[in-house]
Amino acid sequence: MRDEFWDTAPHYGGQKEIWDALRVASESEVSHAQAIVESAGIIVSNADLTLCYDERGAKYELPKYVLSEPTNLIRDS
């Protein structure tokens, strides 16, 4: 589902570069994510990155499943 979201995210509006920065930030450590978001000029409305805006005011909504690891999966042994 994550790959599907990121593949189709630019079709929701906004700039592809911002979507790419949000993807990298969502997959990074917190300190790196903060630097990525700041350097891309992304305005974070929710601390968990679920709602962001770019400098032009375009809205970027991220579902929680792209921001955290799943907890309900069975691991292969």
PDB file of N, CA and C in Angstrom:
ATOM      1  N   MET A   1       0.814  -1.191   0.000  1.00  0.00           N
ATOM      2  CA  MET A   1       0.000   0.000   0.000  1.00  0.00           C
ATOM      3  C   MET A   1       0.861   1.261   0.000  1.00  0.00           C
ATOM      4  N   ARG A   2       1.988   1.190   0.686  1.00  0.00           N
ATOM      5  CA  ARG A   2       2.867   2.361   0.714  1.00  0.00           C
ATOM      6  C   ARG A   2       3.369   2.707  -0.682  1.00  0.00           C
ATOM      7  N   ASP A   3       3.880   1.705  -1.381  1.00  0.00           N
ATOM      8  CA  ASP A   3       4.404   1.959  -2.724  1.00  0.00           C
ATOM      9  C   ASP A   3       3.315   2.496  -3.640  1.00  0.00           C
ATOM     10  N   GLU A   4       2.135   1.946  -3.521  1.00  0.00           N
ATOM     11  CA  GLU A   4       1.012   2.410  -4.336  1.00  0.00           C
ATOM     12  C   GLU A   4       0.687   3.871  -4.028  1.00  0.00           C
ATOM     13  N   PHE A   5       0.690   4.231  -2.752  1.00  0.00           N
ATOM     14  CA  PHE A   5       0.427   5.626  -2.390  1.00  0.00           C
ATOM     15  C   PHE A   5       1.482   6.544  -2.984  1.00  0.00           C
ATOM     16  N   TRP A   6       2.764   6.215  -2.791  1.00  0.00           N
ATOM     17  CA  TRP A   6       3.821   7.096  -3.270  1.00  0.00           C
ATOM     18  C   TRP A   6       3.853   7.174  -4.797  1.00  0.00           C
ATOM     19  N   ASP A   7       3.481   6.082  -5.474  1.00  0.00           N
ATOM     20  CA  ASP A   7       3.439   6.111  -6.938  1.00  0.00           C
ATOM     21  C   ASP A   7       2.344   7.029  -7.457  1.00  0.00           C
ATOM     22  N   THR A   8       1.257   7.141  -6.722  1.00  0.00           N
ATOM     23  CA  THR A   8       0.116   7.941  -7.178  1.00  0.00           C
ATOM     24  C   THR A   8       0.032   9.303  -6.495  1.00  0.00           C
ATOM     25  N   ALA A   9       0.841   9.567  -5.488  1.00  0.00           N
ATOM     26  CA  ALA A   9       0.758  10.808  -4.712  1.00  0.00           C
ATOM     27  C   ALA A   9       0.815  12.075  -5.569  1.00  0.00           C
ATOM     28  N   PRO A  10       1.693  12.192  -6.553  1.00  0.00           N
ATOM     29  CA  PRO A  10       1.721  13.428  -7.343  1.00  0.00           C
ATOM     30  C   PRO A  10       0.412  13.719  -8.080  1.00  0.00           C
ATOM     31  N   HIS A  11      -0.410  12.726  -8.274  1.00  0.00           N
ATOM     32  CA  HIS A  11      -1.693  12.938  -8.938  1.00  0.00           C
ATOM     33  C   HIS A  11      -2.716  13.601  -8.017  1.00  0.00           C
ATOM     34  N   TYR A  12      -2.409  13.679  -6.714  1.00  0.00           N
ATOM     35  CA  TYR A  12      -3.311  14.331  -5.772  1.00  0.00           C
ATOM     36  C   TYR A  12      -3.149  15.843  -5.804  1.00  0.00           C
ATOM     37  N   GLY A  13      -2.185  16.334  -6.543  1.00  0.00           N
ATOM     38  CA  GLY A  13      -1.907  17.763  -6.604  1.00  0.00           C
ATOM     39  C   GLY A  13      -0.581  18.077  -5.946  1.00  0.00           C
ATOM     40  N   GLY A  14      -0.156  19.307  -6.067  1.00  0.00           N
ATOM     41  CA  GLY A  14       1.116  19.702  -5.495  1.00  0.00           C
ATOM     42  C   GLY A  14       2.268  19.391  -6.435  1.00  0.00           C
ATOM     43  N   GLN A  15       3.456  19.610  -5.953  1.00  0.00           N
ATOM     44  CA  GLN A  15       4.661  19.434  -6.749  1.00  0.00           C
ATOM     45  C   GLN A  15       5.304  18.088  -6.478  1.00  0.00           C
ATOM     46  N   LYS A  16       5.793  17.448  -7.533  1.00  0.00           N
ATOM     47  CA  LYS A  16       6.439  16.142  -7.396  1.00  0.00           C
ATOM     48  C   LYS A  16       7.647  16.221  -6.462  1.00  0.00           C
ATOM     49  N   GLU A  17       8.384  17.319  -6.526  1.00  0.00           N
ATOM     50  CA  GLU A  17       9.570  17.474  -5.682  1.00  0.00           C
ATOM     51  C   GLU A  17       9.203  17.465  -4.197  1.00  0.00           C
ATOM     52  N   ILE A  18       8.072  18.062  -3.861  1.00  0.00           N
ATOM     53  CA  ILE A  18       7.628  18.071  -2.463  1.00  0.00           C
ATOM     54  C   ILE A  18       7.203  16.667  -2.045  1.00  0.00           C
ATOM     55  N   TRP A  19       6.472  15.974  -2.916  1.00  0.00           N
ATOM     56  CA  TRP A  19       6.089  14.591  -2.610  1.00  0.00           C
ATOM     57  C   TRP A  19       7.334  13.733  -2.396  1.00  0.00           C
ATOM     58  N   ASP A  20       8.347  13.914  -3.249  1.00  0.00           N
ATOM     59  CA  ASP A  20       9.587  13.142  -3.106  1.00  0.00           C
ATOM     60  C   ASP A  20      10.267  13.455  -1.774  1.00  0.00           C
ATOM     61  N   ALA A  21      10.300  14.735  -1.402  1.00  0.00           N
ATOM     62  CA  ALA A  21      10.910  15.124  -0.120  1.00  0.00           C
ATOM     63  C   ALA A  21      10.129  14.526   1.050  1.00  0.00           C
ATOM     64  N   LEU A  22       8.802  14.534   0.954  1.00  0.00           N
ATOM     65  CA  LEU A  22       7.989  13.952   2.030  1.00  0.00           C
ATOM     66  C   LEU A  22       8.219  12.450   2.144  1.00  0.00           C
ATOM     67  N   ARG A  23       8.401  11.791   1.015  1.00  0.00           N
ATOM     68  CA  ARG A  23       8.661  10.346   1.061  1.00  0.00           C
ATOM     69  C   ARG A  23       9.986  10.066   1.752  1.00  0.00           C
ATOM     70  N   VAL A  24      11.024  10.782   1.361  1.00  0.00           N
ATOM     71  CA  VAL A  24      12.336  10.583   1.977  1.00  0.00           C
ATOM     72  C   VAL A  24      12.269  10.909   3.465  1.00  0.00           C
ATOM     73  N   ALA A  25      11.589  11.990   3.810  1.00  0.00           N
ATOM     74  CA  ALA A  25      11.461  12.373   5.222  1.00  0.00           C
ATOM     75  C   ALA A  25      10.715  11.308   6.015  1.00  0.00           C
ATOM     76  N   SER A  26       9.665  10.736   5.427  1.00  0.00           N
ATOM     77  CA  SER A  26       8.878   9.731   6.148  1.00  0.00           C
ATOM     78  C   SER A  26       9.652   8.436   6.370  1.00  0.00           C
ATOM     79  N   GLU A  27      10.681   8.213   5.570  1.00  0.00           N
ATOM     80  CA  GLU A  27      11.478   6.987   5.680  1.00  0.00           C
ATOM     81  C   GLU A  27      12.794   7.217   6.420  1.00  0.00           C
ATOM     82  N   SER A  28      13.001   8.425   6.960  1.00  0.00           N
ATOM     83  CA  SER A  28      14.257   8.793   7.608  1.00  0.00           C
ATOM     84  C   SER A  28      14.115   8.885   9.122  1.00  0.00           C
ATOM     85  N   GLU A  29      15.270   8.982   9.772  1.00  0.00           N
ATOM     86  CA  GLU A  29      15.293   9.260  11.199  1.00  0.00           C
ATOM     87  C   GLU A  29      14.720  10.658  11.424  1.00  0.00           C
ATOM     88  N   VAL A  30      14.235  10.933  12.620  1.00  0.00           N
ATOM     89  CA  VAL A  30      13.571  12.193  12.918  1.00  0.00           C
ATOM     90  C   VAL A  30      14.461  13.404  12.628  1.00  0.00           C
ATOM     91  N   SER A  31      15.723  13.361  13.021  1.00  0.00           N
ATOM     92  CA  SER A  31      16.610  14.506  12.807  1.00  0.00           C
ATOM     93  C   SER A  31      16.830  14.762  11.319  1.00  0.00           C
ATOM     94  N   HIS A  32      16.980  13.706  10.535  1.00  0.00           N
ATOM     95  CA  HIS A  32      17.138  13.860   9.093  1.00  0.00           C
ATOM     96  C   HIS A  32      15.837  14.336   8.460  1.00  0.00           C
ATOM     97  N   ALA A  33      14.730  13.806   8.931  1.00  0.00           N
ATOM     98  CA  ALA A  33      13.423  14.191   8.386  1.00  0.00           C
ATOM     99  C   ALA A  33      13.183  15.682   8.578  1.00  0.00           C
ATOM    100  N   GLN A  34      13.541  16.197   9.741  1.00  0.00           N
ATOM    101  CA  GLN A  34      13.359  17.623  10.019  1.00  0.00           C
ATOM    102  C   GLN A  34      14.200  18.463   9.060  1.00  0.00           C
ATOM    103  N   ALA A  35      15.436  18.062   8.815  1.00  0.00           N
ATOM    104  CA  ALA A  35      16.309  18.800   7.901  1.00  0.00           C
ATOM    105  C   ALA A  35      15.766  18.757   6.472  1.00  0.00           C
ATOM    106  N   ILE A  36      15.242  17.621   6.059  1.00  0.00           N
ATOM    107  CA  ILE A  36      14.683  17.471   4.712  1.00  0.00           C
ATOM    108  C   ILE A  36      13.472  18.373   4.544  1.00  0.00           C
ATOM    109  N   VAL A  37      12.579  18.341   5.522  1.00  0.00           N
ATOM    110  CA  VAL A  37      11.360  19.151   5.465  1.00  0.00           C
ATOM    111  C   VAL A  37      11.703  20.643   5.429  1.00  0.00           C
ATOM    112  N   GLU A  38      12.626  21.059   6.267  1.00  0.00           N
ATOM    113  CA  GLU A  38      13.016  22.467   6.308  1.00  0.00           C
ATOM    114  C   GLU A  38      13.664  22.908   5.003  1.00  0.00           C
ATOM    115  N   SER A  39      14.554  22.091   4.456  1.00  0.00           N
ATOM    116  CA  SER A  39      15.257  22.478   3.230  1.00  0.00           C
ATOM    117  C   SER A  39      14.331  22.506   2.018  1.00  0.00           C
ATOM    118  N   ALA A  40      13.248  21.734   2.052  1.00  0.00           N
ATOM    119  CA  ALA A  40      12.289  21.725   0.942  1.00  0.00           C
ATOM    120  C   ALA A  40      11.245  22.827   1.091  1.00  0.00           C
ATOM    121  N   GLY A  41      11.263  23.534   2.203  1.00  0.00           N
ATOM    122  CA  GLY A  41      10.296  24.612   2.420  1.00  0.00           C
ATOM    123  C   GLY A  41       8.898  24.103   2.716  1.00  0.00           C
ATOM    124  N   ILE A  42       8.816  22.954   3.373  1.00  0.00           N
ATOM    125  CA  ILE A  42       7.533  22.338   3.709  1.00  0.00           C
ATOM    126  C   ILE A  42       7.073  22.851   5.067  1.00  0.00           C
ATOM    127  N   ILE A  43       5.811  23.245   5.138  1.00  0.00           N
ATOM    128  CA  ILE A  43       5.216  23.713   6.380  1.00  0.00           C
ATOM    129  C   ILE A  43       4.421  22.555   6.968  1.00  0.00           C
ATOM    130  N   VAL A  44       4.817  22.096   8.132  1.00  0.00           N
ATOM    131  CA  VAL A  44       4.183  20.946   8.780  1.00  0.00           C
ATOM    132  C   VAL A  44       3.081  21.443   9.703  1.00  0.00           C
ATOM    133  N   SER A  45       1.832  21.045   9.426  1.00  0.00           N
ATOM    134  CA  SER A  45       0.705  21.459  10.266  1.00  0.00           C
ATOM    135  C   SER A  45       0.455  20.493  11.408  1.00  0.00           C
ATOM    136  N   ASN A  46       0.679  19.206  11.177  1.00  0.00           N
ATOM    137  CA  ASN A  46       0.543  18.194  12.224  1.00  0.00           C
ATOM    138  C   ASN A  46       1.923  17.626  12.517  1.00  0.00           C
ATOM    139  N   ALA A  47       2.245  17.457  13.757  1.00  0.00           N
ATOM    140  CA  ALA A  47       3.572  16.989  14.145  1.00  0.00           C
ATOM    141  C   ALA A  47       3.918  15.620  13.568  1.00  0.00           C
ATOM    142  N   ASP A  48       2.910  14.844  13.191  1.00  0.00           N
ATOM    143  CA  ASP A  48       3.178  13.506  12.657  1.00  0.00           C
ATOM    144  C   ASP A  48       3.276  13.475  11.125  1.00  0.00           C
ATOM    145  N   LEU A  49       3.367  14.629  10.474  1.00  0.00           N
ATOM    146  CA  LEU A  49       3.496  14.789   9.016  1.00  0.00           C
ATOM    147  C   LEU A  49       2.248  14.395   8.232  1.00  0.00           C
ATOM    148  N   THR A  50       1.128  14.191   8.890  1.00  0.00           N
ATOM    149  CA  THR A  50      -0.067  13.798   8.148  1.00  0.00           C
ATOM    150  C   THR A  50      -0.673  14.950   7.365  1.00  0.00           C
ATOM    151  N   LEU A  51      -0.325  16.174   7.714  1.00  0.00           N
ATOM    152  CA  LEU A  51      -0.836  17.336   6.991  1.00  0.00           C
ATOM    153  C   LEU A  51       0.278  18.356   6.840  1.00  0.00           C
ATOM    154  N   CYS A  52       0.631  18.643   5.586  1.00  0.00           N
ATOM    155  CA  CYS A  52       1.706  19.582   5.284  1.00  0.00           C
ATOM    156  C   CYS A  52       1.280  20.494   4.143  1.00  0.00           C
ATOM    157  N   TYR A  53       1.982  21.598   4.017  1.00  0.00           N
ATOM    158  CA  TYR A  53       1.761  22.554   2.930  1.00  0.00           C
ATOM    159  C   TYR A  53       3.113  22.954   2.353  1.00  0.00           C
ATOM    160  N   ASP A  54       3.124  23.308   1.065  1.00  0.00           N
ATOM    161  CA  ASP A  54       4.355  23.863   0.512  1.00  0.00           C
ATOM    162  C   ASP A  54       4.286  25.381   0.595  1.00  0.00           C
ATOM    163  N   GLU A  55       5.317  26.058   0.118  1.00  0.00           N
ATOM    164  CA  GLU A  55       5.383  27.514   0.223  1.00  0.00           C
ATOM    165  C   GLU A  55       4.311  28.214  -0.608  1.00  0.00           C
ATOM    166  N   ARG A  56       3.763  27.523  -1.590  1.00  0.00           N
ATOM    167  CA  ARG A  56       2.711  28.097  -2.431  1.00  0.00           C
ATOM    168  C   ARG A  56       1.315  27.838  -1.878  1.00  0.00           C
ATOM    169  N   GLY A  57       1.235  27.082  -0.796  1.00  0.00           N
ATOM    170  CA  GLY A  57      -0.047  26.805  -0.167  1.00  0.00           C
ATOM    171  C   GLY A  57      -0.707  25.511  -0.584  1.00  0.00           C
ATOM    172  N   ALA A  58      -0.038  24.707  -1.419  1.00  0.00           N
ATOM    173  CA  ALA A  58      -0.602  23.406  -1.816  1.00  0.00           C
ATOM    174  C   ALA A  58      -0.604  22.470  -0.613  1.00  0.00           C
ATOM    175  N   LYS A  59      -1.669  21.704  -0.493  1.00  0.00           N
ATOM    176  CA  LYS A  59      -1.870  20.814   0.659  1.00  0.00           C
ATOM    177  C   LYS A  59      -1.380  19.404   0.321  1.00  0.00           C
ATOM    178  N   TYR A  60      -0.711  18.781   1.282  1.00  0.00           N
ATOM    179  CA  TYR A  60      -0.192  17.422   1.144  1.00  0.00           C
ATOM    180  C   TYR A  60      -0.672  16.618   2.346  1.00  0.00           C
ATOM    181  N   GLU A  61      -1.514  15.634   2.104  1.00  0.00           N
ATOM    182  CA  GLU A  61      -2.020  14.785   3.187  1.00  0.00           C
ATOM    183  C   GLU A  61      -1.404  13.399   3.071  1.00  0.00           C
ATOM    184  N   LEU A  62      -0.823  12.932   4.165  1.00  0.00           N
ATOM    185  CA  LEU A  62      -0.190  11.622   4.198  1.00  0.00           C
ATOM    186  C   LEU A  62      -0.970  10.696   5.125  1.00  0.00           C
ATOM    187  N   PRO A  63      -1.345   9.514   4.640  1.00  0.00           N
ATOM    188  CA  PRO A  63      -2.014   8.564   5.528  1.00  0.00           C
ATOM    189  C   PRO A  63      -1.023   8.000   6.549  1.00  0.00           C
ATOM    190  N   LYS A  64      -1.519   7.655   7.699  1.00  0.00           N
ATOM    191  CA  LYS A  64      -0.647   7.163   8.771  1.00  0.00           C
ATOM    192  C   LYS A  64       0.124   5.897   8.390  1.00  0.00           C
ATOM    193  N   TYR A  65      -0.434   5.079   7.473  1.00  0.00           N
ATOM    194  CA  TYR A  65       0.256   3.834   7.134  1.00  0.00           C
ATOM    195  C   TYR A  65       1.550   4.052   6.357  1.00  0.00           C
ATOM    196  N   VAL A  66       1.774   5.236   5.796  1.00  0.00           N
ATOM    197  CA  VAL A  66       3.051   5.491   5.138  1.00  0.00           C
ATOM    198  C   VAL A  66       4.076   6.072   6.107  1.00  0.00           C
ATOM    199  N   LEU A  67       3.634   6.408   7.318  1.00  0.00           N
ATOM    200  CA  LEU A  67       4.509   7.042   8.292  1.00  0.00           C
ATOM    201  C   LEU A  67       4.986   6.125   9.403  1.00  0.00           C
ATOM    202  N   SER A  68       4.391   4.944   9.537  1.00  0.00           N
ATOM    203  CA  SER A  68       4.799   4.057  10.626  1.00  0.00           C
ATOM    204  C   SER A  68       4.846   2.617  10.141  1.00  0.00           C
ATOM    205  N   GLU A  69       5.618   1.844  10.845  1.00  0.00           N
ATOM    206  CA  GLU A  69       5.723   0.424  10.530  1.00  0.00           C
ATOM    207  C   GLU A  69       4.466  -0.297  10.988  1.00  0.00           C
ATOM    208  N   PRO A  70       3.993  -1.273  10.221  1.00  0.00           N
ATOM    209  CA  PRO A  70       2.813  -2.018  10.636  1.00  0.00           C
ATOM    210  C   PRO A  70       3.101  -2.828  11.905  1.00  0.00           C
ATOM    211  N   THR A  71       2.096  -2.927  12.757  1.00  0.00           N
ATOM    212  CA  THR A  71       2.266  -3.673  14.010  1.00  0.00           C
ATOM    213  C   THR A  71       1.420  -4.938  14.052  1.00  0.00           C
ATOM    214  N   ASN A  72       0.622  -5.161  13.023  1.00  0.00           N
ATOM    215  CA  ASN A  72      -0.283  -6.301  13.055  1.00  0.00           C
ATOM    216  C   ASN A  72       0.082  -7.397  12.049  1.00  0.00           C
ATOM    217  N   LEU A  73       1.340  -7.496  11.709  1.00  0.00           N
ATOM    218  CA  LEU A  73       1.787  -8.516  10.748  1.00  0.00           C
ATOM    219  C   LEU A  73       2.498  -9.649  11.475  1.00  0.00           C
ATOM    220  N   ILE A  74       2.387 -10.835  10.941  1.00  0.00           N
ATOM    221  CA  ILE A  74       3.068 -11.995  11.494  1.00  0.00           C
ATOM    222  C   ILE A  74       4.421 -12.107  10.808  1.00  0.00           C
ATOM    223  N   ARG A  75       5.454 -12.251  11.607  1.00  0.00           N
ATOM    224  CA  ARG A  75       6.813 -12.366  11.064  1.00  0.00           C
ATOM    225  C   ARG A  75       7.094 -13.786  10.630  1.00  0.00           C
ATOM    226  N   ASP A  76       7.796 -13.928   9.502  1.00  0.00           N
ATOM    227  CA  ASP A  76       8.251 -15.264   9.057  1.00  0.00           C
ATOM    228  C   ASP A  76       9.391 -15.693   9.948  1.00  0.00           C
ATOM    229  N   SER A  77       9.438 -16.988  10.279  1.00  0.00           N
ATOM    230  CA  SER A  77      10.524 -17.463  11.130  1.00  0.00           C
ATOM    231  C   SER A  77      11.510 -18.279  10.367  1.00  0.00           C
TER     232      SER A  77
END
